[in-house]
């Protein structure tokens, strides 16, 4: 098995949420939210403050009981009393859940014993986790002496101790320096490659673009849209823009480019051809060949893809960090 030794029950759907509802008095905090996460998939849950993300996560982790709807983790229906389903979850809250007076090794030992690992398992697993989170060299220093980023990494390590199938990360990079932030993101990417399902919330759109295979946008307690980055961008009719710098018959190159179905517009300018296209990444090889055949020597290629921020603003009327 892998270094993380993630178990599997033979099904791709690690998390299944179906028609979740939760009300607090007059506030409908979560209103008919449904989604699934597969093994090896990182799923982003994005929404402005008060959108219902925290309530949704709390129901997924068994900290809150849904008014209606179901959560299944690793094929087992979850409730606030279901030990087996909750044992398949590693929850890393936004607030640090570590003991600052204990070292990283002591923190990990303490939580490993709470998870019920044997003494032999604890020793081996703690060493593995220290390696995964990059704290082996500082393992015996008090956690209170760590930087914010190191404390965040320790927080993640605690959530990994019992080999969960689903890792829930609630804004794990808040308040950390850029170097530590990048280290955390690299760790999440590695976990996904190892086959772990990851539910990730963030207020940084670039993190969602980098990490998430699929993204759900939540606002007012409802799931407004869900899909891959490209699927979400398509909802607001955005297209990729390509600028080809070069020399030769640029007008002929623009005409040749327009014979390709994904090319929406192509205009010859001063030393370049400006295009609006669908899916520039997959189109580029054929596009460059057509332009070359038209007698243009391409010297530069620039691609601008529409970003999720525009989609988020369109769907919610707010910026992600509002």
Protein backbone atom coordinates (compact mmCIF):
# COMPACT_ATOMS: atom_id res chain seq x y z
CA UNK A 1 0.00 0.00 0.00
CA UNK A 2 1.00 3.68 -0.31
CA UNK A 3 2.80 5.74 2.29
CA UNK A 4 -0.58 7.10 3.41
CA UNK A 5 -2.06 3.60 3.32
CA UNK A 6 -5.55 4.88 2.44
CA UNK A 7 -8.12 2.08 2.65
CA UNK A 8 -10.84 1.52 0.08
CA UNK A 9 -14.24 -0.13 0.20
CA UNK A 10 -14.27 -0.78 -3.55
CA UNK A 11 -16.49 2.14 -4.56
CA UNK A 12 -15.43 5.44 -6.07
CA UNK A 13 -18.00 7.48 -4.13
CA UNK A 14 -16.33 8.19 -0.79
CA UNK A 15 -18.78 10.95 0.18
CA UNK A 16 -22.44 11.13 -0.85
CA UNK A 17 -24.56 14.06 0.37
CA UNK A 18 -28.23 13.96 -0.62
CA UNK A 19 -30.77 16.77 -0.10
CA UNK A 20 -29.30 18.21 3.09
CA UNK A 21 -31.43 20.76 4.95
CA UNK A 22 -30.67 22.64 8.16
CA UNK A 23 -32.59 25.51 9.75
CA UNK A 24 -31.74 27.64 12.79
CA UNK A 25 -34.91 29.44 13.80
CA UNK A 26 -35.90 31.65 10.88
CA UNK A 27 -32.58 31.09 9.08
CA UNK A 28 -32.48 28.36 6.42
CA UNK A 29 -28.73 27.73 6.66
CA UNK A 30 -28.60 24.80 4.22
CA UNK A 31 -31.30 24.28 1.61
CA UNK A 32 -31.33 21.04 -0.39
CA UNK A 33 -27.58 20.58 -0.92
CA UNK A 34 -26.43 17.43 -2.74
CA UNK A 35 -23.01 16.40 -4.07
CA UNK A 36 -20.57 13.48 -4.15
CA UNK A 37 -16.79 13.17 -3.92
CA UNK A 38 -14.86 10.28 -5.48
CA UNK A 39 -11.67 8.64 -4.29
CA UNK A 40 -8.68 10.69 -5.44
CA UNK A 41 -10.82 13.77 -6.10
CA UNK A 42 -10.39 17.19 -4.53
CA UNK A 43 -13.74 18.94 -4.32
CA UNK A 44 -13.92 22.66 -3.59
CA UNK A 45 -16.76 24.20 -1.60
CA UNK A 46 -16.76 27.94 -2.26
CA UNK A 47 -19.07 30.60 -0.96
CA UNK A 48 -19.14 34.02 0.69
CA UNK A 49 -19.35 34.32 4.47
CA UNK A 50 -22.72 33.06 5.70
CA UNK A 51 -23.29 30.91 2.60
CA UNK A 52 -23.78 27.68 4.60
CA UNK A 53 -20.37 26.06 4.10
CA UNK A 54 -19.58 25.57 7.79
CA UNK A 55 -23.03 24.14 8.51
CA UNK A 56 -22.69 21.75 5.57
CA UNK A 57 -19.27 20.60 6.75
CA UNK A 58 -20.57 20.14 10.30
CA UNK A 59 -23.32 17.82 9.04
CA UNK A 60 -20.84 15.89 6.86
CA UNK A 61 -18.55 15.35 9.85
CA UNK A 62 -21.40 14.31 12.15
CA UNK A 63 -21.10 17.39 14.38
CA UNK A 64 -24.62 18.55 13.49
CA UNK A 65 -27.73 16.52 12.69
CA UNK A 66 -29.44 17.44 9.43
CA UNK A 67 -33.11 18.34 9.59
CA UNK A 68 -33.49 16.11 6.52
CA UNK A 69 -31.29 14.48 3.94
CA UNK A 70 -28.51 11.92 4.23
CA UNK A 71 -24.72 11.72 4.33
CA UNK A 72 -22.92 8.51 3.41
CA UNK A 73 -19.18 8.13 3.96
CA UNK A 74 -17.40 5.09 2.50
CA UNK A 75 -20.80 3.54 1.87
CA UNK A 76 -22.05 3.94 5.45
CA UNK A 77 -24.83 6.35 6.40
CA UNK A 78 -23.60 8.90 8.91
CA UNK A 79 -25.21 10.29 12.02
CA UNK A 80 -23.89 12.00 15.15
CA UNK A 81 -23.68 8.49 16.71
CA UNK A 82 -22.27 6.48 13.77
CA UNK A 83 -18.74 5.59 14.81
CA UNK A 84 -17.80 3.63 11.68
CA UNK A 85 -18.72 6.38 9.19
CA UNK A 86 -17.11 9.11 11.28
CA UNK A 87 -13.93 7.04 11.60
CA UNK A 88 -13.53 7.32 7.81
CA UNK A 89 -13.29 11.14 8.08
CA UNK A 90 -10.28 13.27 8.90
CA UNK A 91 -11.52 16.74 9.88
CA UNK A 92 -9.09 19.66 9.94
CA UNK A 93 -10.93 22.72 11.33
CA UNK A 94 -10.04 26.31 10.53
CA UNK A 95 -9.19 26.93 14.19
CA UNK A 96 -6.02 25.14 15.27
CA UNK A 97 -6.70 22.00 17.31
CA UNK A 98 -3.24 21.38 18.77
CA UNK A 99 -1.60 21.62 22.18
CA UNK A 100 1.06 24.38 21.99
CA UNK A 101 3.02 23.14 25.02
CA UNK A 102 3.51 19.71 23.45
CA UNK A 103 5.90 18.94 20.63
CA UNK A 104 4.64 17.82 17.21
CA UNK A 105 5.57 14.25 18.11
CA UNK A 106 3.73 14.45 21.45
CA UNK A 107 0.66 15.99 19.81
CA UNK A 108 0.56 13.23 17.24
CA UNK A 109 1.07 10.51 19.88
CA UNK A 110 -1.76 11.93 21.99
CA UNK A 111 -4.27 12.08 19.14
CA UNK A 112 -3.19 8.70 17.74
CA UNK A 113 -4.04 7.09 21.08
CA UNK A 114 -7.42 8.86 21.07
CA UNK A 115 -8.03 7.28 17.66
CA UNK A 116 -7.35 3.88 19.23
CA UNK A 117 -4.09 3.02 17.48
CA UNK A 118 -1.92 0.42 19.24
CA UNK A 119 1.47 1.43 20.68
CA UNK A 120 3.30 -0.19 17.76
CA UNK A 121 0.96 1.51 15.26
CA UNK A 122 1.41 4.88 16.97
CA UNK A 123 5.19 4.86 16.68
CA UNK A 124 5.17 3.89 13.01
CA UNK A 125 2.30 6.17 12.05
CA UNK A 126 3.68 9.24 13.83
CA UNK A 127 6.99 8.88 11.97
CA UNK A 128 5.10 8.56 8.66
CA UNK A 129 2.98 11.66 9.32
CA UNK A 130 5.97 13.77 10.40
CA UNK A 131 7.51 12.96 7.02
CA UNK A 132 4.31 13.74 5.11
CA UNK A 133 3.84 17.16 6.75
CA UNK A 134 7.53 18.05 6.61
CA UNK A 135 8.11 18.44 10.36
CA UNK A 136 10.54 15.59 11.01
CA UNK A 137 13.43 17.97 11.72
CA UNK A 138 11.35 19.97 14.25
CA UNK A 139 9.41 17.02 15.66
CA UNK A 140 10.57 17.51 19.25
CA UNK A 141 10.13 21.29 19.47
CA UNK A 142 7.09 22.72 21.25
CA UNK A 143 4.28 23.39 18.76
CA UNK A 144 3.81 26.84 20.29
CA UNK A 145 7.24 27.80 18.92
CA UNK A 146 6.25 26.91 15.35
CA UNK A 147 5.30 29.40 12.65
CA UNK A 148 1.64 29.62 11.72
CA UNK A 149 2.26 27.51 8.62
CA UNK A 150 3.99 24.76 10.59
CA UNK A 151 1.12 24.69 13.08
CA UNK A 152 -1.32 24.35 10.18
CA UNK A 153 0.69 21.43 8.81
CA UNK A 154 0.61 19.76 12.22
CA UNK A 155 -3.15 20.31 12.29
CA UNK A 156 -3.42 18.48 8.96
CA UNK A 157 -1.16 15.68 10.20
CA UNK A 158 -3.47 15.05 13.16
CA UNK A 159 -6.37 14.64 10.75
CA UNK A 160 -4.40 12.02 8.78
CA UNK A 161 -3.33 9.79 11.66
CA UNK A 162 -6.15 7.25 11.42
CA UNK A 163 -5.89 6.87 7.62
CA UNK A 164 -9.20 8.50 6.71
CA UNK A 165 -10.81 7.98 3.32
CA UNK A 166 -12.21 11.52 3.33
CA UNK A 167 -10.16 14.53 4.45
CA UNK A 168 -12.14 17.70 5.20
CA UNK A 169 -9.99 20.85 5.13
CA UNK A 170 -11.71 24.05 6.26
CA UNK A 171 -9.62 27.00 5.02
CA UNK A 172 -6.28 25.39 5.94
CA UNK A 173 -4.09 28.28 4.68
CA UNK A 174 -5.68 31.19 6.54
CA UNK A 175 -3.03 33.49 8.02
CA UNK A 176 0.07 31.63 6.82
CA UNK A 177 3.06 32.95 4.88
CA UNK A 178 3.38 32.23 1.12
CA UNK A 179 6.06 29.55 1.56
CA UNK A 180 4.03 27.62 4.13
CA UNK A 181 0.91 28.08 2.06
CA UNK A 182 2.59 26.52 -0.97
CA UNK A 183 3.82 23.63 1.19
CA UNK A 184 0.27 22.97 2.40
CA UNK A 185 -1.07 23.04 -1.17
CA UNK A 186 1.63 20.60 -2.28
CA UNK A 187 0.64 18.29 0.57
CA UNK A 188 -3.01 18.37 -0.51
CA UNK A 189 -2.02 17.59 -4.11
CA UNK A 190 0.03 14.62 -2.89
CA UNK A 191 -2.86 13.29 -0.81
CA UNK A 192 -5.16 13.43 -3.81
CA UNK A 193 -2.63 11.55 -5.94
CA UNK A 194 -2.49 8.88 -3.21
CA UNK A 195 -6.24 8.31 -3.71
CA UNK A 196 -7.71 10.29 -0.81
CA UNK A 197 -10.99 12.14 -1.29
CA UNK A 198 -10.60 15.77 -0.18
CA UNK A 199 -13.29 18.34 0.64
CA UNK A 200 -11.64 21.76 0.55
CA UNK A 201 -12.99 25.19 1.48
CA UNK A 202 -11.04 28.37 0.86
CA UNK A 203 -11.35 32.12 0.44
CA UNK A 204 -8.52 32.10 -2.12
CA UNK A 205 -9.77 31.54 -5.66
CA UNK A 206 -6.29 30.66 -6.94
CA UNK A 207 -6.19 27.73 -4.48
CA UNK A 208 -9.47 26.38 -5.86
CA UNK A 209 -8.19 26.76 -9.43
CA UNK A 210 -4.97 24.94 -8.58
CA UNK A 211 -6.29 22.10 -6.42
CA UNK A 212 -9.89 21.27 -7.18
CA UNK A 213 -11.07 18.75 -9.75
CA UNK A 214 -14.64 19.97 -9.27
CA UNK A 215 -16.06 22.99 -7.50
CA UNK A 216 -19.42 23.78 -5.93
CA UNK A 217 -20.48 27.40 -5.46
CA UNK A 218 -22.77 27.82 -2.46
CA UNK A 219 -24.75 30.95 -1.58
CA UNK A 220 -27.76 31.50 0.64
CA UNK A 221 -27.60 27.88 1.75
CA UNK A 222 -28.08 26.59 -1.80
CA UNK A 223 -25.71 24.98 -4.26
CA UNK A 224 -25.82 27.47 -7.13
CA UNK A 225 -23.53 25.62 -9.54
CA UNK A 226 -21.17 22.66 -9.65
CA UNK A 227 -18.63 21.33 -12.11
CA UNK A 228 -15.10 21.48 -13.37
CA UNK A 229 -13.48 24.87 -13.81
CA UNK A 230 -14.24 24.82 -17.55
CA UNK A 231 -17.85 23.75 -17.01
CA UNK A 232 -18.40 26.60 -14.55
CA UNK A 233 -16.81 29.13 -16.87
CA UNK A 234 -19.10 27.95 -19.67
CA UNK A 235 -22.11 28.91 -17.54
CA UNK A 236 -21.39 32.60 -18.07
CA UNK A 237 -20.42 32.24 -21.73
CA UNK A 238 -16.76 33.09 -21.33
CA UNK A 239 -14.18 31.95 -23.90
CA UNK A 240 -10.40 31.69 -24.06
CA UNK A 241 -8.37 34.43 -25.75
CA UNK A 242 -5.25 33.59 -27.76
CA UNK A 243 -2.68 36.02 -29.10
CA UNK A 244 -0.25 34.69 -31.71
CA UNK A 245 2.72 36.95 -32.41
CA UNK A 246 4.59 36.42 -35.67
CA UNK A 247 5.57 37.51 -39.15
CA UNK A 248 4.07 36.74 -42.54
CA UNK A 249 0.57 36.94 -44.02
CA UNK A 250 -1.37 37.54 -40.79
CA UNK A 251 -4.67 38.11 -42.61
CA UNK A 252 -4.36 34.71 -44.30
CA UNK A 253 -3.54 33.17 -40.93
CA UNK A 254 -6.68 34.71 -39.38
CA UNK A 255 -8.80 33.36 -42.24
CA UNK A 256 -7.24 29.91 -41.87
CA UNK A 257 -7.87 29.90 -38.13
CA UNK A 258 -11.57 30.66 -38.72
CA UNK A 259 -11.95 27.35 -40.57
CA UNK A 260 -11.58 25.60 -37.18
CA UNK A 261 -14.92 25.15 -35.42
CA UNK A 262 -13.71 26.15 -31.91
CA UNK A 263 -12.47 29.53 -33.21
CA UNK A 264 -15.13 32.19 -32.57
CA UNK A 265 -13.27 35.22 -33.93
CA UNK A 266 -9.85 35.83 -35.46
CA UNK A 267 -8.44 39.28 -36.25
CA UNK A 268 -5.11 40.21 -37.83
CA UNK A 269 -3.42 43.06 -35.99
CA UNK A 270 -0.03 44.73 -35.90
CA UNK A 271 2.34 41.79 -35.63
CA UNK A 272 -0.20 39.37 -34.16
CA UNK A 273 -3.41 37.42 -34.68
CA UNK A 274 -5.99 37.84 -31.90
CA UNK A 275 -8.45 34.99 -31.43
CA UNK A 276 -11.43 34.09 -29.23
CA UNK A 277 -11.70 30.29 -28.98
CA UNK A 278 -13.21 27.38 -27.09
CA UNK A 279 -10.76 25.24 -25.08
CA UNK A 280 -7.47 26.81 -26.18
CA UNK A 281 -5.32 24.13 -24.55
CA UNK A 282 -6.65 21.30 -26.73
CA UNK A 283 -6.97 23.47 -29.83
CA UNK A 284 -3.48 24.98 -29.81
CA UNK A 285 -1.53 22.26 -31.72
CA UNK A 286 -3.95 22.25 -34.66
CA UNK A 287 -4.29 26.05 -34.57
CA UNK A 288 -0.52 26.53 -34.80
CA UNK A 289 -0.33 24.10 -37.71
CA UNK A 290 -3.05 25.98 -39.64
CA UNK A 291 -1.34 29.32 -39.04
CA UNK A 292 2.03 27.92 -40.15
CA UNK A 293 0.43 26.46 -43.30
CA UNK A 294 -0.92 29.95 -44.05
CA UNK A 295 2.65 31.27 -44.14
CA UNK A 296 3.09 32.80 -40.70
CA UNK A 297 6.16 32.14 -38.52
CA UNK A 298 4.85 32.22 -34.95
CA UNK A 299 7.24 33.79 -32.45
CA UNK A 300 5.02 33.98 -29.35
CA UNK A 301 1.83 32.47 -27.95
CA UNK A 302 -0.23 33.96 -25.13
CA UNK A 303 -3.34 32.29 -23.76
CA UNK A 304 -5.79 33.97 -21.38
CA UNK A 305 -8.41 31.71 -19.84
CA UNK A 306 -11.42 33.16 -18.01
CA UNK A 307 -11.16 32.71 -14.24
CA UNK A 308 -13.50 31.45 -11.55
CA UNK A 309 -13.69 34.86 -9.91
CA UNK A 310 -15.89 36.12 -12.78
CA UNK A 311 -18.13 33.05 -12.45
CA UNK A 312 -18.42 33.47 -8.69
CA UNK A 313 -19.31 37.14 -9.01
CA UNK A 314 -21.90 36.33 -11.66
CA UNK A 315 -23.60 33.64 -9.56
CA UNK A 316 -23.49 35.29 -6.13
CA UNK A 317 -23.15 39.01 -6.80
CA UNK A 318 -20.19 39.02 -4.35
CA UNK A 319 -16.45 38.55 -4.44
CA UNK A 320 -15.25 35.35 -2.73
CA UNK A 321 -13.43 37.24 0.03
CA UNK A 322 -16.36 39.59 0.88
